[in-house]
N, C-alpha and C. Protein backbone atom coordinates (compact mmCIF):
# COMPACT_ATOMS: atom_id res chain seq x y z
N MET A 1 1.51 34.54 -4.80
CA MET A 1 1.47 33.19 -5.33
C MET A 1 1.09 32.23 -4.21
N PRO A 2 0.10 31.36 -4.44
CA PRO A 2 -0.33 30.44 -3.38
C PRO A 2 0.73 29.36 -3.13
N SER A 3 0.84 29.00 -1.88
CA SER A 3 1.81 27.99 -1.48
C SER A 3 1.17 26.60 -1.50
N LEU A 4 1.93 25.61 -1.91
CA LEU A 4 1.47 24.22 -1.90
C LEU A 4 1.79 23.52 -0.59
N LEU A 5 2.31 24.29 0.35
CA LEU A 5 2.69 23.74 1.65
C LEU A 5 1.44 23.58 2.51
N PHE A 6 1.13 22.35 2.90
CA PHE A 6 -0.06 22.14 3.73
C PHE A 6 0.21 21.29 4.97
N CYS A 7 1.44 20.88 5.20
CA CYS A 7 1.76 20.20 6.45
C CYS A 7 3.17 20.57 6.89
N GLY A 8 3.41 20.42 8.16
CA GLY A 8 4.68 20.82 8.73
C GLY A 8 5.78 19.80 8.48
N PRO A 9 6.99 20.12 8.91
CA PRO A 9 8.12 19.23 8.64
C PRO A 9 8.04 17.89 9.37
N LYS A 10 7.53 17.89 10.59
CA LYS A 10 7.44 16.63 11.34
C LYS A 10 6.38 15.71 10.75
N MET A 11 5.26 16.28 10.36
CA MET A 11 4.21 15.46 9.76
C MET A 11 4.66 14.90 8.40
N ALA A 12 5.39 15.70 7.64
CA ALA A 12 5.89 15.24 6.34
C ALA A 12 6.91 14.12 6.53
N ALA A 13 7.79 14.25 7.52
CA ALA A 13 8.77 13.19 7.79
C ALA A 13 8.07 11.92 8.25
N CYS A 14 7.05 12.06 9.08
CA CYS A 14 6.27 10.91 9.53
C CYS A 14 5.59 10.23 8.35
N GLY A 15 5.06 11.03 7.42
CA GLY A 15 4.44 10.47 6.22
C GLY A 15 5.41 9.68 5.38
N ILE A 16 6.64 10.14 5.28
CA ILE A 16 7.66 9.41 4.52
C ILE A 16 7.97 8.07 5.19
N VAL A 17 8.15 8.08 6.51
CA VAL A 17 8.49 6.85 7.23
C VAL A 17 7.35 5.83 7.12
N ILE A 18 6.13 6.28 7.32
CA ILE A 18 4.98 5.37 7.23
C ILE A 18 4.81 4.87 5.80
N SER A 19 5.07 5.70 4.82
CA SER A 19 4.96 5.28 3.43
C SER A 19 6.00 4.22 3.08
N ILE A 20 7.22 4.41 3.54
CA ILE A 20 8.26 3.41 3.27
C ILE A 20 7.88 2.08 3.89
N TRP A 21 7.42 2.12 5.14
CA TRP A 21 7.00 0.90 5.82
C TRP A 21 5.82 0.25 5.09
N GLY A 22 4.84 1.04 4.68
CA GLY A 22 3.67 0.51 3.99
C GLY A 22 4.02 -0.11 2.65
N VAL A 23 4.91 0.52 1.90
CA VAL A 23 5.30 -0.01 0.59
C VAL A 23 6.01 -1.35 0.77
N ILE A 24 6.94 -1.42 1.71
CA ILE A 24 7.67 -2.68 1.92
C ILE A 24 6.73 -3.79 2.36
N MET A 25 5.89 -3.51 3.34
CA MET A 25 5.00 -4.53 3.87
C MET A 25 3.99 -5.00 2.83
N LEU A 26 3.34 -4.05 2.15
CA LEU A 26 2.30 -4.43 1.19
C LEU A 26 2.89 -5.08 -0.06
N ALA A 27 4.07 -4.67 -0.47
CA ALA A 27 4.71 -5.33 -1.62
C ALA A 27 5.05 -6.78 -1.27
N MET A 28 5.56 -7.00 -0.06
CA MET A 28 5.87 -8.37 0.35
C MET A 28 4.59 -9.21 0.47
N LEU A 29 3.53 -8.63 1.04
CA LEU A 29 2.27 -9.36 1.11
C LEU A 29 1.74 -9.68 -0.28
N GLY A 30 1.86 -8.73 -1.21
CA GLY A 30 1.42 -8.98 -2.58
C GLY A 30 2.20 -10.11 -3.22
N ILE A 31 3.51 -10.15 -2.97
CA ILE A 31 4.33 -11.24 -3.51
C ILE A 31 3.91 -12.57 -2.91
N PHE A 32 3.70 -12.60 -1.60
CA PHE A 32 3.33 -13.86 -0.96
C PHE A 32 1.93 -14.31 -1.35
N PHE A 33 1.00 -13.37 -1.53
CA PHE A 33 -0.33 -13.77 -2.00
C PHE A 33 -0.26 -14.27 -3.44
N SER A 34 0.55 -13.64 -4.26
CA SER A 34 0.68 -14.10 -5.65
C SER A 34 1.35 -15.47 -5.72
N ALA A 35 2.21 -15.77 -4.74
CA ALA A 35 2.84 -17.09 -4.69
C ALA A 35 1.94 -18.11 -4.01
N LYS A 36 0.75 -17.69 -3.59
CA LYS A 36 -0.25 -18.55 -2.96
C LYS A 36 0.27 -19.23 -1.69
N SER A 37 0.80 -18.41 -0.81
CA SER A 37 1.35 -18.91 0.45
C SER A 37 0.23 -19.48 1.32
N ALA A 38 0.43 -20.70 1.82
CA ALA A 38 -0.60 -21.37 2.62
C ALA A 38 -0.81 -20.68 3.97
N VAL A 39 0.19 -19.96 4.45
CA VAL A 39 0.07 -19.28 5.74
C VAL A 39 -0.99 -18.19 5.69
N LEU A 40 -1.21 -17.61 4.53
CA LEU A 40 -2.15 -16.50 4.39
C LEU A 40 -3.57 -16.93 4.01
N ILE A 41 -3.90 -18.21 4.13
CA ILE A 41 -5.22 -18.69 3.73
C ILE A 41 -6.34 -18.03 4.54
N GLU A 42 -6.04 -17.65 5.78
CA GLU A 42 -7.07 -17.02 6.62
C GLU A 42 -7.45 -15.64 6.12
N ASP A 43 -6.59 -15.01 5.32
CA ASP A 43 -6.86 -13.67 4.82
C ASP A 43 -7.51 -13.67 3.43
N VAL A 44 -7.76 -14.84 2.88
CA VAL A 44 -8.42 -14.94 1.57
C VAL A 44 -9.92 -15.00 1.82
N PRO A 45 -10.69 -14.09 1.20
CA PRO A 45 -12.13 -14.02 1.49
C PRO A 45 -12.94 -15.07 0.72
N PHE A 46 -13.12 -16.22 1.32
CA PHE A 46 -13.97 -17.24 0.70
C PHE A 46 -14.86 -17.87 1.76
N THR A 47 -15.94 -18.48 1.31
CA THR A 47 -16.87 -19.14 2.22
C THR A 47 -16.96 -20.62 1.84
N GLU A 48 -17.65 -21.39 2.66
CA GLU A 48 -17.82 -22.81 2.35
C GLU A 48 -18.64 -23.00 1.09
N GLU A 49 -19.58 -22.12 0.84
CA GLU A 49 -20.41 -22.24 -0.37
C GLU A 49 -19.57 -22.09 -1.63
N ASP A 50 -18.52 -21.25 -1.54
CA ASP A 50 -17.63 -21.10 -2.69
C ASP A 50 -16.96 -22.42 -3.05
N ILE A 51 -16.64 -23.20 -2.05
CA ILE A 51 -15.96 -24.47 -2.29
C ILE A 51 -16.95 -25.55 -2.71
N ARG A 52 -18.12 -25.59 -2.08
CA ARG A 52 -19.09 -26.63 -2.39
C ARG A 52 -19.71 -26.47 -3.78
N ASN A 53 -20.01 -25.25 -4.16
CA ASN A 53 -20.73 -25.02 -5.42
C ASN A 53 -19.81 -24.92 -6.63
N ASP A 54 -18.52 -24.99 -6.44
CA ASP A 54 -17.59 -24.83 -7.54
C ASP A 54 -17.09 -26.19 -8.02
N ALA A 55 -16.95 -26.33 -9.33
CA ALA A 55 -16.47 -27.60 -9.89
C ALA A 55 -14.98 -27.81 -9.61
N SER A 56 -14.22 -26.72 -9.60
CA SER A 56 -12.77 -26.82 -9.31
C SER A 56 -12.42 -25.86 -8.18
N PRO A 57 -12.60 -26.29 -6.93
CA PRO A 57 -12.36 -25.40 -5.79
C PRO A 57 -10.95 -24.82 -5.71
N PRO A 58 -9.90 -25.59 -6.02
CA PRO A 58 -8.57 -24.97 -5.91
C PRO A 58 -8.39 -23.77 -6.85
N GLN A 59 -8.96 -23.85 -8.04
CA GLN A 59 -8.81 -22.74 -8.98
C GLN A 59 -9.51 -21.49 -8.46
N ASN A 60 -10.66 -21.67 -7.82
CA ASN A 60 -11.38 -20.52 -7.25
C ASN A 60 -10.54 -19.88 -6.14
N ILE A 61 -9.92 -20.69 -5.29
CA ILE A 61 -9.09 -20.16 -4.21
C ILE A 61 -7.86 -19.46 -4.80
N TYR A 62 -7.25 -20.04 -5.84
CA TYR A 62 -6.09 -19.41 -6.48
C TYR A 62 -6.46 -18.06 -7.08
N ASN A 63 -7.64 -17.98 -7.67
CA ASN A 63 -8.09 -16.68 -8.22
C ASN A 63 -8.27 -15.65 -7.11
N LEU A 64 -8.79 -16.09 -5.96
CA LEU A 64 -8.93 -15.17 -4.83
C LEU A 64 -7.57 -14.74 -4.29
N TYR A 65 -6.62 -15.65 -4.24
CA TYR A 65 -5.25 -15.30 -3.84
C TYR A 65 -4.69 -14.22 -4.77
N ASN A 66 -4.85 -14.42 -6.08
CA ASN A 66 -4.33 -13.43 -7.04
C ASN A 66 -5.01 -12.08 -6.88
N GLN A 67 -6.33 -12.09 -6.63
CA GLN A 67 -7.04 -10.82 -6.46
C GLN A 67 -6.57 -10.07 -5.22
N VAL A 68 -6.36 -10.79 -4.13
CA VAL A 68 -5.86 -10.14 -2.91
C VAL A 68 -4.44 -9.62 -3.14
N GLY A 69 -3.62 -10.37 -3.88
CA GLY A 69 -2.27 -9.91 -4.20
C GLY A 69 -2.29 -8.63 -5.02
N ILE A 70 -3.18 -8.55 -5.99
CA ILE A 70 -3.32 -7.33 -6.80
C ILE A 70 -3.77 -6.17 -5.92
N ASN A 71 -4.69 -6.43 -5.00
CA ASN A 71 -5.14 -5.38 -4.08
C ASN A 71 -3.98 -4.86 -3.22
N CYS A 72 -3.10 -5.76 -2.80
CA CYS A 72 -1.93 -5.34 -2.00
C CYS A 72 -0.99 -4.47 -2.83
N PHE A 73 -0.78 -4.84 -4.11
CA PHE A 73 0.08 -4.03 -4.97
C PHE A 73 -0.53 -2.65 -5.23
N ILE A 74 -1.84 -2.58 -5.37
CA ILE A 74 -2.51 -1.29 -5.56
C ILE A 74 -2.35 -0.42 -4.32
N ALA A 75 -2.51 -1.03 -3.15
CA ALA A 75 -2.33 -0.27 -1.91
C ALA A 75 -0.89 0.20 -1.75
N ALA A 76 0.07 -0.62 -2.18
CA ALA A 76 1.48 -0.20 -2.13
C ALA A 76 1.72 0.99 -3.06
N ALA A 77 1.06 1.00 -4.21
CA ALA A 77 1.19 2.13 -5.13
C ALA A 77 0.61 3.41 -4.52
N VAL A 78 -0.47 3.27 -3.78
CA VAL A 78 -1.05 4.44 -3.09
C VAL A 78 -0.06 4.96 -2.05
N TYR A 79 0.61 4.05 -1.34
CA TYR A 79 1.62 4.47 -0.37
C TYR A 79 2.80 5.16 -1.06
N VAL A 80 3.16 4.73 -2.26
CA VAL A 80 4.23 5.40 -3.01
C VAL A 80 3.81 6.84 -3.32
N ALA A 81 2.56 7.02 -3.73
CA ALA A 81 2.06 8.37 -4.03
C ALA A 81 2.06 9.25 -2.78
N ILE A 82 1.62 8.70 -1.67
CA ILE A 82 1.62 9.46 -0.42
C ILE A 82 3.04 9.81 0.00
N GLY A 83 3.97 8.88 -0.19
CA GLY A 83 5.37 9.16 0.11
C GLY A 83 5.93 10.26 -0.76
N ALA A 84 5.55 10.28 -2.04
CA ALA A 84 6.02 11.34 -2.94
C ALA A 84 5.48 12.70 -2.50
N VAL A 85 4.22 12.74 -2.10
CA VAL A 85 3.64 14.00 -1.62
C VAL A 85 4.35 14.44 -0.34
N SER A 86 4.64 13.50 0.55
CA SER A 86 5.34 13.84 1.79
C SER A 86 6.75 14.34 1.51
N LEU A 87 7.42 13.72 0.54
CA LEU A 87 8.76 14.18 0.17
C LEU A 87 8.72 15.60 -0.38
N CYS A 88 7.72 15.91 -1.20
CA CYS A 88 7.56 17.28 -1.71
C CYS A 88 7.32 18.26 -0.56
N GLN A 89 6.55 17.83 0.43
CA GLN A 89 6.28 18.69 1.58
C GLN A 89 7.55 18.95 2.39
N VAL A 90 8.40 17.93 2.53
CA VAL A 90 9.67 18.12 3.24
C VAL A 90 10.51 19.15 2.49
N ARG A 91 10.59 19.02 1.18
CA ARG A 91 11.40 19.96 0.40
C ARG A 91 10.82 21.37 0.44
N LEU A 92 9.50 21.49 0.40
CA LEU A 92 8.88 22.82 0.50
C LEU A 92 9.12 23.44 1.87
N ASN A 93 9.10 22.61 2.92
CA ASN A 93 9.38 23.12 4.27
C ASN A 93 10.82 23.58 4.39
N LYS A 94 11.76 22.85 3.78
CA LYS A 94 13.16 23.28 3.83
C LYS A 94 13.36 24.57 3.05
N ARG A 95 12.68 24.72 1.93
CA ARG A 95 12.79 25.94 1.15
C ARG A 95 12.16 27.10 1.90
N GLN A 96 11.10 26.83 2.65
CA GLN A 96 10.42 27.87 3.43
C GLN A 96 11.34 28.39 4.52
N GLU A 97 12.20 27.54 5.07
CA GLU A 97 13.14 27.96 6.12
C GLU A 97 14.10 29.03 5.62
N TYR A 98 14.52 28.93 4.37
CA TYR A 98 15.53 29.83 3.85
C TYR A 98 14.97 31.07 3.17
N MET A 99 13.65 31.16 3.07
CA MET A 99 13.04 32.34 2.43
C MET A 99 13.05 33.53 3.37
N VAL A 100 13.32 34.67 2.80
CA VAL A 100 13.29 35.90 3.56
C VAL A 100 11.99 36.60 3.23
N THR A 101 11.22 36.93 4.27
CA THR A 101 9.93 37.60 4.03
C THR A 101 9.97 39.05 4.44
């Protein structure tokens, strides 16, 4: 029977730690972008032409804030998936320790 084990215990533990950190950070960034925090204006991708050519510039900026917030939540979900895979690898490594060959 083929094994689903593809990384060692230290790498799996590192994946869990990095995933937890990534989920917390990206979820908080997503919340702050959705709340349209003024501190994060430098991270919103807009140009001067976007402001000049638009009839309602604040609405365009708010839409960009929401899009970046959604992107942060999607990235946090990817980190959740990577954390789940790392957790499975930790459990498979522990089970491998107790197997008699």
